[in-house]
Amino acid sequence: MSYINKLVIAREYRHKPTQSEDKLWKLIREKQILGYKFRRQYVVAGFILDFYCPALKLGIEVDGSIHDIKENIDYDIERENIIKQDNINIIRITNAEIENNILTVLKSLKEYIRDIK
């Protein structure tokens, strides 16, 4: 799939976020996490990341239960390995973590960012 096609798909995803993505986005947009700007549905290394901070080279993936399927686990690992070749780290957060304990998610994100700075 071409880069242009990925941009179109990313734009569509931005207009139709999952409930968990929307909940997290409302709390990390506009530099609300330690002053860092995150983008949503951002194309990196030919893949669309749910959230991406260019300054930190940090991607955040929000995973639903579909990511528990063997084929998807394998694909996620392969995809992450390709993205890591660009020195980008990925944090995976489940929908359940966001829906059940968003404050812990935010605390963990802040700790992770402080550790990599």
PDB file of N, CA and C in Angstrom:
ATOM      1  N   MET A   1       0.841  -1.174   0.000  1.00  0.00           N
ATOM      2  CA  MET A   1       0.000   0.000   0.000  1.00  0.00           C
ATOM      3  C   MET A   1       0.893   1.245   0.000  1.00  0.00           C
ATOM      4  N   SER A   2       0.539   2.229  -0.776  1.00  0.00           N
ATOM      5  CA  SER A   2       1.372   3.419  -0.907  1.00  0.00           C
ATOM      6  C   SER A   2       1.260   4.319   0.323  1.00  0.00           C
ATOM      7  N   TYR A   3       2.242   5.194   0.437  1.00  0.00           N
ATOM      8  CA  TYR A   3       2.270   6.151   1.540  1.00  0.00           C
ATOM      9  C   TYR A   3       1.033   7.052   1.501  1.00  0.00           C
ATOM     10  N   ILE A   4       0.632   7.470   0.315  1.00  0.00           N
ATOM     11  CA  ILE A   4      -0.547   8.325   0.160  1.00  0.00           C
ATOM     12  C   ILE A   4      -1.790   7.586   0.659  1.00  0.00           C
ATOM     13  N   ASN A   5      -1.908   6.304   0.290  1.00  0.00           N
ATOM     14  CA  ASN A   5      -3.053   5.508   0.768  1.00  0.00           C
ATOM     15  C   ASN A   5      -3.054   5.409   2.292  1.00  0.00           C
ATOM     16  N   LYS A   6      -1.866   5.247   2.878  1.00  0.00           N
ATOM     17  CA  LYS A   6      -1.765   5.179   4.345  1.00  0.00           C
ATOM     18  C   LYS A   6      -2.226   6.490   4.980  1.00  0.00           C
ATOM     19  N   LEU A   7      -1.868   7.623   4.345  1.00  0.00           N
ATOM     20  CA  LEU A   7      -2.294   8.917   4.868  1.00  0.00           C
ATOM     21  C   LEU A   7      -3.810   9.061   4.835  1.00  0.00           C
ATOM     22  N   VAL A   8      -4.420   8.569   3.772  1.00  0.00           N
ATOM     23  CA  VAL A   8      -5.876   8.625   3.646  1.00  0.00           C
ATOM     24  C   VAL A   8      -6.529   7.769   4.728  1.00  0.00           C
ATOM     25  N   ILE A   9      -6.007   6.580   4.916  1.00  0.00           N
ATOM     26  CA  ILE A   9      -6.548   5.681   5.948  1.00  0.00           C
ATOM     27  C   ILE A   9      -6.361   6.296   7.336  1.00  0.00           C
ATOM     28  N   ALA A  10      -5.184   6.871   7.587  1.00  0.00           N
ATOM     29  CA  ALA A  10      -4.917   7.502   8.881  1.00  0.00           C
ATOM     30  C   ALA A  10      -5.924   8.623   9.140  1.00  0.00           C
ATOM     31  N   ARG A  11      -6.216   9.410   8.122  1.00  0.00           N
ATOM     32  CA  ARG A  11      -7.195  10.488   8.268  1.00  0.00           C
ATOM     33  C   ARG A  11      -8.568   9.912   8.627  1.00  0.00           C
ATOM     34  N   GLU A  12      -8.942   8.827   7.967  1.00  0.00           N
ATOM     35  CA  GLU A  12     -10.225   8.178   8.277  1.00  0.00           C
ATOM     36  C   GLU A  12     -10.247   7.687   9.721  1.00  0.00           C
ATOM     37  N   TYR A  13      -9.138   7.087  10.172  1.00  0.00           N
ATOM     38  CA  TYR A  13      -9.051   6.598  11.547  1.00  0.00           C
ATOM     39  C   TYR A  13      -9.182   7.746  12.552  1.00  0.00           C
ATOM     40  N   ARG A  14      -8.610   8.914  12.215  1.00  0.00           N
ATOM     41  CA  ARG A  14      -8.708  10.064  13.119  1.00  0.00           C
ATOM     42  C   ARG A  14     -10.158  10.503  13.304  1.00  0.00           C
ATOM     43  N   HIS A  15     -10.954  10.312  12.269  1.00  0.00           N
ATOM     44  CA  HIS A  15     -12.357  10.722  12.336  1.00  0.00           C
ATOM     45  C   HIS A  15     -13.247   9.669  12.999  1.00  0.00           C
ATOM     46  N   LYS A  16     -12.730   8.443  13.163  1.00  0.00           N
ATOM     47  CA  LYS A  16     -13.514   7.362  13.761  1.00  0.00           C
ATOM     48  C   LYS A  16     -12.667   6.601  14.791  1.00  0.00           C
ATOM     49  N   PRO A  17     -12.241   7.293  15.856  1.00  0.00           N
ATOM     50  CA  PRO A  17     -11.414   6.592  16.844  1.00  0.00           C
ATOM     51  C   PRO A  17     -12.238   5.591  17.645  1.00  0.00           C
ATOM     52  N   THR A  18     -11.547   4.602  18.197  1.00  0.00           N
ATOM     53  CA  THR A  18     -12.222   3.711  19.130  1.00  0.00           C
ATOM     54  C   THR A  18     -12.492   4.500  20.412  1.00  0.00           C
ATOM     55  N   GLN A  19     -13.348   3.976  21.241  1.00  0.00           N
ATOM     56  CA  GLN A  19     -13.681   4.646  22.500  1.00  0.00           C
ATOM     57  C   GLN A  19     -12.424   4.852  23.348  1.00  0.00           C
ATOM     58  N   SER A  20     -11.572   3.835  23.402  1.00  0.00           N
ATOM     59  CA  SER A  20     -10.353   3.920  24.213  1.00  0.00           C
ATOM     60  C   SER A  20      -9.363   4.918  23.628  1.00  0.00           C
ATOM     61  N   GLU A  21      -9.205   4.913  22.307  1.00  0.00           N
ATOM     62  CA  GLU A  21      -8.318   5.882  21.667  1.00  0.00           C
ATOM     63  C   GLU A  21      -8.792   7.306  21.940  1.00  0.00           C
ATOM     64  N   ASP A  22     -10.091   7.522  21.838  1.00  0.00           N
ATOM     65  CA  ASP A  22     -10.649   8.847  22.060  1.00  0.00           C
ATOM     66  C   ASP A  22     -10.425   9.297  23.505  1.00  0.00           C
ATOM     67  N   LYS A  23     -10.624   8.394  24.430  1.00  0.00           N
ATOM     68  CA  LYS A  23     -10.440   8.704  25.851  1.00  0.00           C
ATOM     69  C   LYS A  23      -8.988   9.087  26.146  1.00  0.00           C
ATOM     70  N   LEU A  24      -8.046   8.317  25.602  1.00  0.00           N
ATOM     71  CA  LEU A  24      -6.634   8.618  25.818  1.00  0.00           C
ATOM     72  C   LEU A  24      -6.245   9.909  25.109  1.00  0.00           C
ATOM     73  N   TRP A  25      -6.714  10.101  23.885  1.00  0.00           N
ATOM     74  CA  TRP A  25      -6.369  11.288  23.112  1.00  0.00           C
ATOM     75  C   TRP A  25      -6.771  12.561  23.860  1.00  0.00           C
ATOM     76  N   LYS A  26      -7.932  12.558  24.471  1.00  0.00           N
ATOM     77  CA  LYS A  26      -8.396  13.738  25.196  1.00  0.00           C
ATOM     78  C   LYS A  26      -7.452  14.115  26.339  1.00  0.00           C
ATOM     79  N   LEU A  27      -6.668  13.156  26.810  1.00  0.00           N
ATOM     80  CA  LEU A  27      -5.768  13.396  27.936  1.00  0.00           C
ATOM     81  C   LEU A  27      -4.310  13.608  27.540  1.00  0.00           C
ATOM     82  N   ILE A  28      -3.958  13.334  26.287  1.00  0.00           N
ATOM     83  CA  ILE A  28      -2.557  13.531  25.889  1.00  0.00           C
ATOM     84  C   ILE A  28      -2.374  14.612  24.827  1.00  0.00           C
ATOM     85  N   ARG A  29      -3.462  15.045  24.207  1.00  0.00           N
ATOM     86  CA  ARG A  29      -3.334  16.070  23.161  1.00  0.00           C
ATOM     87  C   ARG A  29      -2.957  17.407  23.779  1.00  0.00           C
ATOM     88  N   GLU A  30      -2.568  18.309  22.936  1.00  0.00           N
ATOM     89  CA  GLU A  30      -2.221  19.674  23.341  1.00  0.00           C
ATOM     90  C   GLU A  30      -1.161  19.720  24.441  1.00  0.00           C
ATOM     91  N   LYS A  31      -0.165  18.862  24.294  1.00  0.00           N
ATOM     92  CA  LYS A  31       1.002  18.863  25.189  1.00  0.00           C
ATOM     93  C   LYS A  31       0.654  18.667  26.663  1.00  0.00           C
ATOM     94  N   GLN A  32      -0.339  17.842  26.922  1.00  0.00           N
ATOM     95  CA  GLN A  32      -0.768  17.617  28.311  1.00  0.00           C
ATOM     96  C   GLN A  32       0.123  16.622  29.052  1.00  0.00           C
ATOM     97  N   ILE A  33       0.938  15.875  28.330  1.00  0.00           N
ATOM     98  CA  ILE A  33       1.845  14.921  28.985  1.00  0.00           C
ATOM     99  C   ILE A  33       3.251  15.523  28.979  1.00  0.00           C
ATOM    100  N   LEU A  34       3.605  16.118  30.090  1.00  0.00           N
ATOM    101  CA  LEU A  34       4.940  16.693  30.313  1.00  0.00           C
ATOM    102  C   LEU A  34       5.357  17.660  29.202  1.00  0.00           C
ATOM    103  N   GLY A  35       4.398  18.286  28.555  1.00  0.00           N
ATOM    104  CA  GLY A  35       4.695  19.279  27.522  1.00  0.00           C
ATOM    105  C   GLY A  35       5.033  18.708  26.158  1.00  0.00           C
ATOM    106  N   TYR A  36       4.874  17.401  25.958  1.00  0.00           N
ATOM    107  CA  TYR A  36       5.207  16.780  24.676  1.00  0.00           C
ATOM    108  C   TYR A  36       3.987  16.699  23.764  1.00  0.00           C
ATOM    109  N   LYS A  37       4.207  16.998  22.502  1.00  0.00           N
ATOM    110  CA  LYS A  37       3.138  16.963  21.503  1.00  0.00           C
ATOM    111  C   LYS A  37       3.034  15.553  20.914  1.00  0.00           C
ATOM    112  N   PHE A  38       1.838  15.020  20.969  1.00  0.00           N
ATOM    113  CA  PHE A  38       1.545  13.736  20.343  1.00  0.00           C
ATOM    114  C   PHE A  38       0.661  13.970  19.134  1.00  0.00           C
ATOM    115  N   ARG A  39       0.834  13.148  18.143  1.00  0.00           N
ATOM    116  CA  ARG A  39      -0.029  13.147  16.965  1.00  0.00           C
ATOM    117  C   ARG A  39      -0.804  11.846  17.000  1.00  0.00           C
ATOM    118  N   ARG A  40      -1.974  11.849  16.399  1.00  0.00           N
ATOM    119  CA  ARG A  40      -2.742  10.600  16.388  1.00  0.00           C
ATOM    120  C   ARG A  40      -2.852  10.073  14.974  1.00  0.00           C
ATOM    121  N   GLN A  41      -2.900   8.742  14.894  1.00  0.00           N
ATOM    122  CA  GLN A  41      -2.977   8.044  13.601  1.00  0.00           C
ATOM    123  C   GLN A  41      -1.921   8.591  12.661  1.00  0.00           C
ATOM    124  N   TYR A  42      -0.682   8.408  13.050  1.00  0.00           N
ATOM    125  CA  TYR A  42       0.473   8.980  12.354  1.00  0.00           C
ATOM    126  C   TYR A  42       1.226   7.877  11.628  1.00  0.00           C
ATOM    127  N   VAL A  43       1.591   8.128  10.374  1.00  0.00           N
ATOM    128  CA  VAL A  43       2.283   7.128   9.562  1.00  0.00           C
ATOM    129  C   VAL A  43       3.787   7.185   9.845  1.00  0.00           C
ATOM    130  N   VAL A  44       4.327   6.034  10.262  1.00  0.00           N
ATOM    131  CA  VAL A  44       5.755   5.879  10.546  1.00  0.00           C
ATOM    132  C   VAL A  44       6.214   4.566   9.937  1.00  0.00           C
ATOM    133  N   ALA A  45       7.272   4.612   9.160  1.00  0.00           N
ATOM    134  CA  ALA A  45       7.861   3.407   8.554  1.00  0.00           C
ATOM    135  C   ALA A  45       6.810   2.584   7.801  1.00  0.00           C
ATOM    136  N   GLY A  46       5.850   3.259   7.206  1.00  0.00           N
ATOM    137  CA  GLY A  46       4.822   2.570   6.433  1.00  0.00           C
ATOM    138  C   GLY A  46       3.686   1.982   7.250  1.00  0.00           C
ATOM    139  N   PHE A  47       3.659   2.285   8.546  1.00  0.00           N
ATOM    140  CA  PHE A  47       2.617   1.777   9.430  1.00  0.00           C
ATOM    141  C   PHE A  47       1.922   2.951  10.117  1.00  0.00           C
ATOM    142  N   ILE A  48       0.681   2.743  10.494  1.00  0.00           N
ATOM    143  CA  ILE A  48      -0.070   3.782  11.191  1.00  0.00           C
ATOM    144  C   ILE A  48      -0.025   3.495  12.688  1.00  0.00           C
ATOM    145  N   LEU A  49       0.562   4.437  13.428  1.00  0.00           N
ATOM    146  CA  LEU A  49       0.599   4.330  14.885  1.00  0.00           C
ATOM    147  C   LEU A  49      -0.597   5.082  15.454  1.00  0.00           C
ATOM    148  N   ASP A  50      -1.194   4.553  16.502  1.00  0.00           N
ATOM    149  CA  ASP A  50      -2.337   5.227  17.119  1.00  0.00           C
ATOM    150  C   ASP A  50      -1.936   6.629  17.584  1.00  0.00           C
ATOM    151  N   PHE A  51      -0.795   6.715  18.268  1.00  0.00           N
ATOM    152  CA  PHE A  51      -0.274   8.003  18.736  1.00  0.00           C
ATOM    153  C   PHE A  51       1.238   8.007  18.555  1.00  0.00           C
ATOM    154  N   TYR A  52       1.783   9.200  18.256  1.00  0.00           N
ATOM    155  CA  TYR A  52       3.225   9.297  18.040  1.00  0.00           C
ATOM    156  C   TYR A  52       3.730  10.651  18.510  1.00  0.00           C
ATOM    157  N   CYS A  53       4.836  10.628  19.235  1.00  0.00           N
ATOM    158  CA  CYS A  53       5.511  11.841  19.670  1.00  0.00           C
ATOM    159  C   CYS A  53       6.857  11.918  18.960  1.00  0.00           C
ATOM    160  N   PRO A  54       6.983  12.801  17.960  1.00  0.00           N
ATOM    161  CA  PRO A  54       8.247  12.901  17.216  1.00  0.00           C
ATOM    162  C   PRO A  54       9.441  13.277  18.096  1.00  0.00           C
ATOM    163  N   ALA A  55       9.241  14.176  19.054  1.00  0.00           N
ATOM    164  CA  ALA A  55      10.350  14.625  19.900  1.00  0.00           C
ATOM    165  C   ALA A  55      10.946  13.485  20.721  1.00  0.00           C
ATOM    166  N   LEU A  56      10.111  12.539  21.110  1.00  0.00           N
ATOM    167  CA  LEU A  56      10.571  11.410  21.924  1.00  0.00           C
ATOM    168  C   LEU A  56      10.822  10.153  21.098  1.00  0.00           C
ATOM    169  N   LYS A  57      10.397  10.192  19.828  1.00  0.00           N
ATOM    170  CA  LYS A  57      10.430   9.000  18.982  1.00  0.00           C
ATOM    171  C   LYS A  57       9.708   7.857  19.704  1.00  0.00           C
ATOM    172  N   LEU A  58       8.487   8.178  20.132  1.00  0.00           N
ATOM    173  CA  LEU A  58       7.692   7.258  20.930  1.00  0.00           C
ATOM    174  C   LEU A  58       6.321   7.061  20.307  1.00  0.00           C
ATOM    175  N   GLY A  59       5.978   5.811  20.068  1.00  0.00           N
ATOM    176  CA  GLY A  59       4.662   5.465  19.574  1.00  0.00           C
ATOM    177  C   GLY A  59       3.855   4.790  20.663  1.00  0.00           C
ATOM    178  N   ILE A  60       2.555   5.049  20.648  1.00  0.00           N
ATOM    179  CA  ILE A  60       1.643   4.393  21.587  1.00  0.00           C
ATOM    180  C   ILE A  60       0.603   3.657  20.766  1.00  0.00           C
ATOM    181  N   GLU A  61       0.449   2.386  21.049  1.00  0.00           N
ATOM    182  CA  GLU A  61      -0.543   1.557  20.386  1.00  0.00           C
ATOM    183  C   GLU A  61      -1.596   1.155  21.402  1.00  0.00           C
ATOM    184  N   VAL A  62      -2.852   1.371  21.055  1.00  0.00           N
ATOM    185  CA  VAL A  62      -3.976   0.983  21.903  1.00  0.00           C
ATOM    186  C   VAL A  62      -4.532  -0.312  21.337  1.00  0.00           C
ATOM    187  N   ASP A  63      -4.442  -1.365  22.135  1.00  0.00           N
ATOM    188  CA  ASP A  63      -4.777  -2.705  21.657  1.00  0.00           C
ATOM    189  C   ASP A  63      -6.095  -3.219  22.222  1.00  0.00           C
ATOM    190  N   GLY A  64      -6.969  -3.626  21.323  1.00  0.00           N
ATOM    191  CA  GLY A  64      -8.193  -4.329  21.706  1.00  0.00           C
ATOM    192  C   GLY A  64      -7.926  -5.821  21.734  1.00  0.00           C
ATOM    193  N   SER A  65      -8.949  -6.590  21.991  1.00  0.00           N
ATOM    194  CA  SER A  65      -8.795  -8.041  22.120  1.00  0.00           C
ATOM    195  C   SER A  65      -8.356  -8.704  20.817  1.00  0.00           C
ATOM    196  N   ILE A  66      -8.550  -8.060  19.685  1.00  0.00           N
ATOM    197  CA  ILE A  66      -8.124  -8.636  18.406  1.00  0.00           C
ATOM    198  C   ILE A  66      -6.607  -8.843  18.368  1.00  0.00           C
ATOM    199  N   HIS A  67      -5.887  -8.077  19.183  1.00  0.00           N
ATOM    200  CA  HIS A  67      -4.426  -8.210  19.222  1.00  0.00           C
ATOM    201  C   HIS A  67      -3.979  -9.438  20.013  1.00  0.00           C
ATOM    202  N   ASP A  68      -4.925 -10.174  20.603  1.00  0.00           N
ATOM    203  CA  ASP A  68      -4.603 -11.400  21.332  1.00  0.00           C
ATOM    204  C   ASP A  68      -4.594 -12.630  20.427  1.00  0.00           C
ATOM    205  N   ILE A  69      -5.022 -12.479  19.193  1.00  0.00           N
ATOM    206  CA  ILE A  69      -5.060 -13.580  18.228  1.00  0.00           C
ATOM    207  C   ILE A  69      -3.641 -13.828  17.720  1.00  0.00           C
ATOM    208  N   LYS A  70      -3.257 -15.094  17.623  1.00  0.00           N
ATOM    209  CA  LYS A  70      -1.885 -15.488  17.266  1.00  0.00           C
ATOM    210  C   LYS A  70      -1.361 -14.748  16.037  1.00  0.00           C
ATOM    211  N   GLU A  71      -2.129 -14.711  14.958  1.00  0.00           N
ATOM    212  CA  GLU A  71      -1.667 -14.061  13.728  1.00  0.00           C
ATOM    213  C   GLU A  71      -1.411 -12.569  13.953  1.00  0.00           C
ATOM    214  N   ASN A  72      -2.262 -11.948  14.750  1.00  0.00           N
ATOM    215  CA  ASN A  72      -2.090 -10.522  15.023  1.00  0.00           C
ATOM    216  C   ASN A  72      -0.909 -10.265  15.944  1.00  0.00           C
ATOM    217  N   ILE A  73      -0.668 -11.171  16.872  1.00  0.00           N
ATOM    218  CA  ILE A  73       0.504 -11.051  17.748  1.00  0.00           C
ATOM    219  C   ILE A  73       1.765 -11.097  16.899  1.00  0.00           C
ATOM    220  N   ASP A  74       1.829 -12.060  15.984  1.00  0.00           N
ATOM    221  CA  ASP A  74       2.996 -12.188  15.103  1.00  0.00           C
ATOM    222  C   ASP A  74       3.174 -10.944  14.239  1.00  0.00           C
ATOM    223  N   TYR A  75       2.073 -10.431  13.692  1.00  0.00           N
ATOM    224  CA  TYR A  75       2.125  -9.234  12.858  1.00  0.00           C
ATOM    225  C   TYR A  75       2.588  -8.028  13.680  1.00  0.00           C
ATOM    226  N   ASP A  76       2.069  -7.882  14.893  1.00  0.00           N
ATOM    227  CA  ASP A  76       2.465  -6.767  15.754  1.00  0.00           C
ATOM    228  C   ASP A  76       3.953  -6.813  16.072  1.00  0.00           C
ATOM    229  N   ILE A  77       4.479  -8.001  16.328  1.00  0.00           N
ATOM    230  CA  ILE A  77       5.912  -8.151  16.625  1.00  0.00           C
ATOM    231  C   ILE A  77       6.739  -7.755  15.405  1.00  0.00           C
ATOM    232  N   GLU A  78       6.361  -8.249  14.242  1.00  0.00           N
ATOM    233  CA  GLU A  78       7.084  -7.920  13.007  1.00  0.00           C
ATOM    234  C   GLU A  78       7.029  -6.411  12.739  1.00  0.00           C
ATOM    235  N   ARG A  79       5.868  -5.848  12.876  1.00  0.00           N
ATOM    236  CA  ARG A  79       5.654  -4.415  12.649  1.00  0.00           C
ATOM    237  C   ARG A  79       6.506  -3.589  13.615  1.00  0.00           C
ATOM    238  N   GLU A  80       6.498  -3.978  14.895  1.00  0.00           N
ATOM    239  CA  GLU A  80       7.292  -3.267  15.890  1.00  0.00           C
ATOM    240  C   GLU A  80       8.777  -3.338  15.589  1.00  0.00           C
ATOM    241  N   ASN A  81       9.241  -4.495  15.142  1.00  0.00           N
ATOM    242  CA  ASN A  81      10.653  -4.642  14.806  1.00  0.00           C
ATOM    243  C   ASN A  81      11.050  -3.720  13.656  1.00  0.00           C
ATOM    244  N   ILE A  82      10.178  -3.570  12.682  1.00  0.00           N
ATOM    245  CA  ILE A  82      10.452  -2.670  11.560  1.00  0.00           C
ATOM    246  C   ILE A  82      10.481  -1.221  12.044  1.00  0.00           C
ATOM    247  N   ILE A  83       9.523  -0.848  12.854  1.00  0.00           N
ATOM    248  CA  ILE A  83       9.459   0.526  13.372  1.00  0.00           C
ATOM    249  C   ILE A  83      10.671   0.827  14.246  1.00  0.00           C
ATOM    250  N   LYS A  84      11.110  -0.137  15.036  1.00  0.00           N
ATOM    251  CA  LYS A  84      12.267   0.057  15.918  1.00  0.00           C
ATOM    252  C   LYS A  84      13.554   0.309  15.132  1.00  0.00           C
ATOM    253  N   GLN A  85      13.598  -0.100  13.861  1.00  0.00           N
ATOM    254  CA  GLN A  85      14.763   0.180  13.031  1.00  0.00           C
ATOM    255  C   GLN A  85      14.957   1.685  12.831  1.00  0.00           C
ATOM    256  N   ASP A  86      13.906   2.462  13.026  1.00  0.00           N
ATOM    257  CA  ASP A  86      13.981   3.922  12.959  1.00  0.00           C
ATOM    258  C   ASP A  86      14.177   4.532  14.349  1.00  0.00           C
ATOM    259  N   ASN A  87      14.633   3.701  15.299  1.00  0.00           N
ATOM    260  CA  ASN A  87      14.872   4.131  16.687  1.00  0.00           C
ATOM    261  C   ASN A  87      13.617   4.687  17.350  1.00  0.00           C
ATOM    262  N   ILE A  88      12.494   4.089  17.042  1.00  0.00           N
ATOM    263  CA  ILE A  88      11.219   4.472  17.642  1.00  0.00           C
ATOM    264  C   ILE A  88      10.794   3.368  18.599  1.00  0.00           C
ATOM    265  N   ASN A  89      10.478   3.759  19.820  1.00  0.00           N
ATOM    266  CA  ASN A  89       9.984   2.813  20.811  1.00  0.00           C
ATOM    267  C   ASN A  89       8.467   2.802  20.792  1.00  0.00           C
ATOM    268  N   ILE A  90       7.898   1.659  21.098  1.00  0.00           N
ATOM    269  CA  ILE A  90       6.446   1.485  21.103  1.00  0.00           C
ATOM    270  C   ILE A  90       6.000   1.061  22.502  1.00  0.00           C
ATOM    271  N   ILE A  91       4.970   1.721  22.983  1.00  0.00           N
ATOM    272  CA  ILE A  91       4.293   1.313  24.214  1.00  0.00           C
ATOM    273  C   ILE A  91       2.936   0.770  23.798  1.00  0.00           C
ATOM    274  N   ARG A  92       2.591  -0.387  24.322  1.00  0.00           N
ATOM    275  CA  ARG A  92       1.289  -0.983  24.037  1.00  0.00           C
ATOM    276  C   ARG A  92       0.418  -0.856  25.283  1.00  0.00           C
ATOM    277  N   ILE A  93      -0.780  -0.358  25.093  1.00  0.00           N
ATOM    278  CA  ILE A  93      -1.745  -0.190  26.176  1.00  0.00           C
ATOM    279  C   ILE A  93      -3.038  -0.857  25.729  1.00  0.00           C
ATOM    280  N   THR A  94      -3.634  -1.636  26.598  1.00  0.00           N
ATOM    281  CA  THR A  94      -4.874  -2.315  26.216  1.00  0.00           C
ATOM    282  C   THR A  94      -6.076  -1.390  26.436  1.00  0.00           C
ATOM    283  N   ASN A  95      -7.129  -1.685  25.690  1.00  0.00           N
ATOM    284  CA  ASN A  95      -8.388  -0.965  25.893  1.00  0.00           C
ATOM    285  C   ASN A  95      -8.828  -1.078  27.345  1.00  0.00           C
ATOM    286  N   ALA A  96      -8.689  -2.265  27.905  1.00  0.00           N
ATOM    287  CA  ALA A  96      -9.116  -2.503  29.286  1.00  0.00           C
ATOM    288  C   ALA A  96      -8.356  -1.600  30.261  1.00  0.00           C
ATOM    289  N   GLU A  97      -7.054  -1.442  30.052  1.00  0.00           N
ATOM    290  CA  GLU A  97      -6.276  -0.569  30.934  1.00  0.00           C
ATOM    291  C   GLU A  97      -6.793   0.869  30.873  1.00  0.00           C
ATOM    292  N   ILE A  98      -7.092   1.323  29.658  1.00  0.00           N
ATOM    293  CA  ILE A  98      -7.589   2.692  29.490  1.00  0.00           C
ATOM    294  C   ILE A  98      -8.972   2.842  30.118  1.00  0.00           C
ATOM    295  N   GLU A  99      -9.831   1.889  29.849  1.00  0.00           N
ATOM    296  CA  GLU A  99     -11.214   1.992  30.339  1.00  0.00           C
ATOM    297  C   GLU A  99     -11.317   1.799  31.850  1.00  0.00           C
ATOM    298  N   ASN A 100     -10.464   0.941  32.409  1.00  0.00           N
ATOM    299  CA  ASN A 100     -10.582   0.611  33.832  1.00  0.00           C
ATOM    300  C   ASN A 100      -9.702   1.426  34.757  1.00  0.00           C
ATOM    301  N   ASN A 101      -8.592   1.969  34.227  1.00  0.00           N
ATOM    302  CA  ASN A 101      -7.686   2.695  35.117  1.00  0.00           C
ATOM    303  C   ASN A 101      -6.828   3.683  34.343  1.00  0.00           C
ATOM    304  N   ILE A 102      -7.466   4.687  33.777  1.00  0.00           N
ATOM    305  CA  ILE A 102      -6.767   5.668  32.955  1.00  0.00           C
ATOM    306  C   ILE A 102      -5.711   6.436  33.754  1.00  0.00           C
ATOM    307  N   LEU A 103      -5.943   6.668  35.031  1.00  0.00           N
ATOM    308  CA  LEU A 103      -4.959   7.408  35.829  1.00  0.00           C
ATOM    309  C   LEU A 103      -3.644   6.642  35.956  1.00  0.00           C
ATOM    310  N   THR A 104      -3.732   5.332  36.098  1.00  0.00           N
ATOM    311  CA  THR A 104      -2.520   4.505  36.144  1.00  0.00           C
ATOM    312  C   THR A 104      -1.811   4.532  34.790  1.00  0.00           C
ATOM    313  N   VAL A 105      -2.579   4.509  33.707  1.00  0.00           N
ATOM    314  CA  VAL A 105      -1.997   4.594  32.357  1.00  0.00           C
ATOM    315  C   VAL A 105      -1.222   5.895  32.209  1.00  0.00           C
ATOM    316  N   LEU A 106      -1.820   7.003  32.590  1.00  0.00           N
ATOM    317  CA  LEU A 106      -1.156   8.304  32.476  1.00  0.00           C
ATOM    318  C   LEU A 106       0.097   8.375  33.349  1.00  0.00           C
ATOM    319  N   LYS A 107       0.006   7.839  34.557  1.00  0.00           N
ATOM    320  CA  LYS A 107       1.167   7.819  35.456  1.00  0.00           C
ATOM    321  C   LYS A 107       2.303   7.000  34.834  1.00  0.00           C
ATOM    322  N   SER A 108       1.973   5.846  34.267  1.00  0.00           N
ATOM    323  CA  SER A 108       2.982   4.987  33.637  1.00  0.00           C
ATOM    324  C   SER A 108       3.616   5.679  32.427  1.00  0.00           C
ATOM    325  N   LEU A 109       2.793   6.364  31.642  1.00  0.00           N
ATOM    326  CA  LEU A 109       3.316   7.100  30.484  1.00  0.00           C
ATOM    327  C   LEU A 109       4.309   8.169  30.927  1.00  0.00           C
ATOM    328  N   LYS A 110       3.942   8.919  31.937  1.00  0.00           N
ATOM    329  CA  LYS A 110       4.827   9.973  32.441  1.00  0.00           C
ATOM    330  C   LYS A 110       6.134   9.390  32.960  1.00  0.00           C
ATOM    331  N   GLU A 111       6.055   8.293  33.693  1.00  0.00           N
ATOM    332  CA  GLU A 111       7.268   7.647  34.212  1.00  0.00           C
ATOM    333  C   GLU A 111       8.149   7.166  33.063  1.00  0.00           C
ATOM    334  N   TYR A 112       7.537   6.569  32.052  1.00  0.00           N
ATOM    335  CA  TYR A 112       8.296   6.075  30.909  1.00  0.00           C
ATOM    336  C   TYR A 112       8.999   7.235  30.203  1.00  0.00           C
ATOM    337  N   ILE A 113       8.288   8.333  30.004  1.00  0.00           N
ATOM    338  CA  ILE A 113       8.867   9.501  29.325  1.00  0.00           C
ATOM    339  C   ILE A 113      10.009  10.076  30.144  1.00  0.00           C
ATOM    340  N   ARG A 114       9.837  10.181  31.438  1.00  0.00           N
ATOM    341  CA  ARG A 114      10.932  10.689  32.289  1.00  0.00           C
ATOM    342  C   ARG A 114      12.150   9.792  32.198  1.00  0.00           C
ATOM    343  N   ASP A 115      11.933   8.484  32.107  1.00  0.00           N
ATOM    344  CA  ASP A 115      13.050   7.531  32.037  1.00  0.00           C
ATOM    345  C   ASP A 115      13.818   7.625  30.720  1.00  0.00           C
ATOM    346  N   ILE A 116      13.130   7.958  29.620  1.00  0.00           N
ATOM    347  CA  ILE A 116      13.829   7.975  28.318  1.00  0.00           C
ATOM    348  C   ILE A 116      14.413   9.345  27.977  1.00  0.00           C
ATOM    349  N   LYS A 117      14.078  10.379  28.741  1.00  0.00           N
ATOM    350  CA  LYS A 117      14.589  11.719  28.440  1.00  0.00           C
ATOM    351  C   LYS A 117      16.058  11.828  28.738  1.00  0.00           C
TER     352      LYS A 117
END
